[in-house]
Amino acid sequence: MILLKKTYYKLFTDDLTARIAGEVGGDLKKILLSAVQAAEEEFDPDYHTRDKAAEDAEAIYKAGQGRWGTDENKMAKIIVLSPPKYLKLINE
């Protein structure tokens, strides 16, 4: 994320976080700002297990498609903070 923000600044001489904050609103703004500002967790095979991935996949489903309305905060927390390797486990 740091590389993305630096590259954006070099190309446009503008802060990516400030641009997002000014261009979008609502839940999308919260999710995007969380993604830009969040520190991604390191993959820990003792914590990021297949069982935990199945639990998080179910939590994402229940927060979205599995209910009337959505709980964007619940979905975003899992998706934004999880390391890519763990997200692949969730997606399986």
Protein backbone atom coordinates (compact mmCIF):
# COMPACT_ATOMS: atom_id res chain seq x y z
CA MET A 1 0.00 0.00 0.00
CA ILE A 2 2.88 2.32 0.75
CA LEU A 3 4.24 1.81 -2.77
CA LEU A 4 0.81 2.54 -4.25
CA LYS A 5 0.49 5.79 -2.29
CA LYS A 6 4.02 6.90 -3.22
CA THR A 7 3.47 6.10 -6.89
CA TYR A 8 0.13 7.93 -6.90
CA TYR A 9 1.82 10.99 -5.40
CA LYS A 10 4.65 10.90 -7.97
CA LEU A 11 2.16 10.68 -10.83
CA PHE A 12 -0.45 13.16 -9.63
CA THR A 13 1.29 15.20 -6.86
CA ASP A 14 -1.73 14.52 -4.69
CA ASP A 15 -2.28 12.42 -1.58
CA LEU A 16 -4.26 9.27 -2.41
CA THR A 17 -5.97 9.18 0.99
CA ALA A 18 -7.10 12.81 0.68
CA ARG A 19 -8.31 12.20 -2.88
CA ILE A 20 -10.38 9.20 -1.83
CA ALA A 21 -11.82 11.13 1.12
CA GLY A 22 -12.88 13.93 -1.20
CA GLU A 23 -14.26 11.80 -4.03
CA VAL A 24 -16.42 9.14 -2.38
CA GLY A 25 -18.81 8.94 0.54
CA GLY A 26 -20.75 6.63 2.78
CA ASP A 27 -19.76 3.04 3.40
CA LEU A 28 -17.57 2.93 0.30
CA LYS A 29 -15.52 5.81 1.70
CA LYS A 30 -15.08 3.98 5.01
CA ILE A 31 -13.97 0.79 3.26
CA LEU A 32 -11.55 2.51 0.88
CA LEU A 33 -10.01 4.67 3.61
CA SER A 34 -9.62 1.60 5.80
CA ALA A 35 -7.87 -0.21 2.97
CA VAL A 36 -5.50 2.68 2.30
CA GLN A 37 -4.68 3.30 5.95
CA ALA A 38 -4.73 -0.23 7.36
CA ALA A 39 -1.64 -2.16 8.22
CA GLU A 40 -2.00 -5.59 6.68
CA GLU A 41 -1.52 -8.48 9.09
CA GLU A 42 1.40 -10.81 8.53
CA PHE A 43 0.38 -14.34 7.54
CA ASP A 44 0.58 -16.59 10.59
CA PRO A 45 -0.02 -20.26 9.72
CA ASP A 46 -0.95 -20.98 13.35
CA TYR A 47 -3.72 -18.35 13.26
CA HIS A 48 -4.66 -18.21 9.58
CA THR A 49 -5.81 -21.82 9.32
CA ARG A 50 -8.30 -23.46 6.98
CA ASP A 51 -10.78 -23.67 9.86
CA LYS A 52 -10.41 -19.94 10.57
CA ALA A 53 -10.80 -19.24 6.83
CA ALA A 54 -14.03 -21.24 6.77
CA GLU A 55 -15.31 -19.26 9.79
CA ASP A 56 -14.43 -15.95 8.13
CA ALA A 57 -15.97 -17.03 4.82
CA GLU A 58 -19.19 -17.82 6.68
CA ALA A 59 -19.00 -14.46 8.51
CA ILE A 60 -18.58 -12.63 5.20
CA TYR A 61 -21.52 -14.54 3.73
CA LYS A 62 -23.74 -13.81 6.73
CA ALA A 63 -22.72 -10.13 6.67
CA GLY A 64 -23.62 -9.83 3.00
CA GLN A 65 -25.51 -12.21 0.81
CA GLY A 66 -26.86 -14.30 3.67
CA ARG A 67 -28.97 -11.51 5.19
CA TRP A 68 -31.33 -8.67 4.39
CA GLY A 69 -29.06 -5.64 4.01
CA THR A 70 -25.34 -5.85 4.51
CA ASP A 71 -22.83 -5.33 7.29
CA GLU A 72 -20.04 -3.63 5.34
CA ASN A 73 -17.96 -3.05 8.46
CA LYS A 74 -17.80 -6.77 9.24
CA MET A 75 -16.89 -7.69 5.66
CA ALA A 76 -14.37 -4.87 5.28
CA LYS A 77 -12.60 -5.71 8.53
CA ILE A 78 -11.92 -9.25 7.36
CA ILE A 79 -11.08 -8.39 3.76
CA VAL A 80 -9.00 -5.26 4.34
CA LEU A 81 -6.88 -6.53 7.22
CA SER A 82 -6.21 -10.09 6.08
CA PRO A 83 -3.02 -11.02 4.26
CA PRO A 84 -3.44 -12.08 0.59
CA LYS A 85 -2.42 -15.68 1.28
CA TYR A 86 -5.19 -15.95 3.87
CA LEU A 87 -7.74 -14.35 1.54
CA LYS A 88 -7.02 -17.15 -0.93
CA LEU A 89 -7.90 -19.67 1.80
CA ILE A 90 -11.16 -17.81 2.48
CA ASN A 91 -12.00 -17.88 -1.22
CA GLU A 92 -11.56 -21.66 -1.54
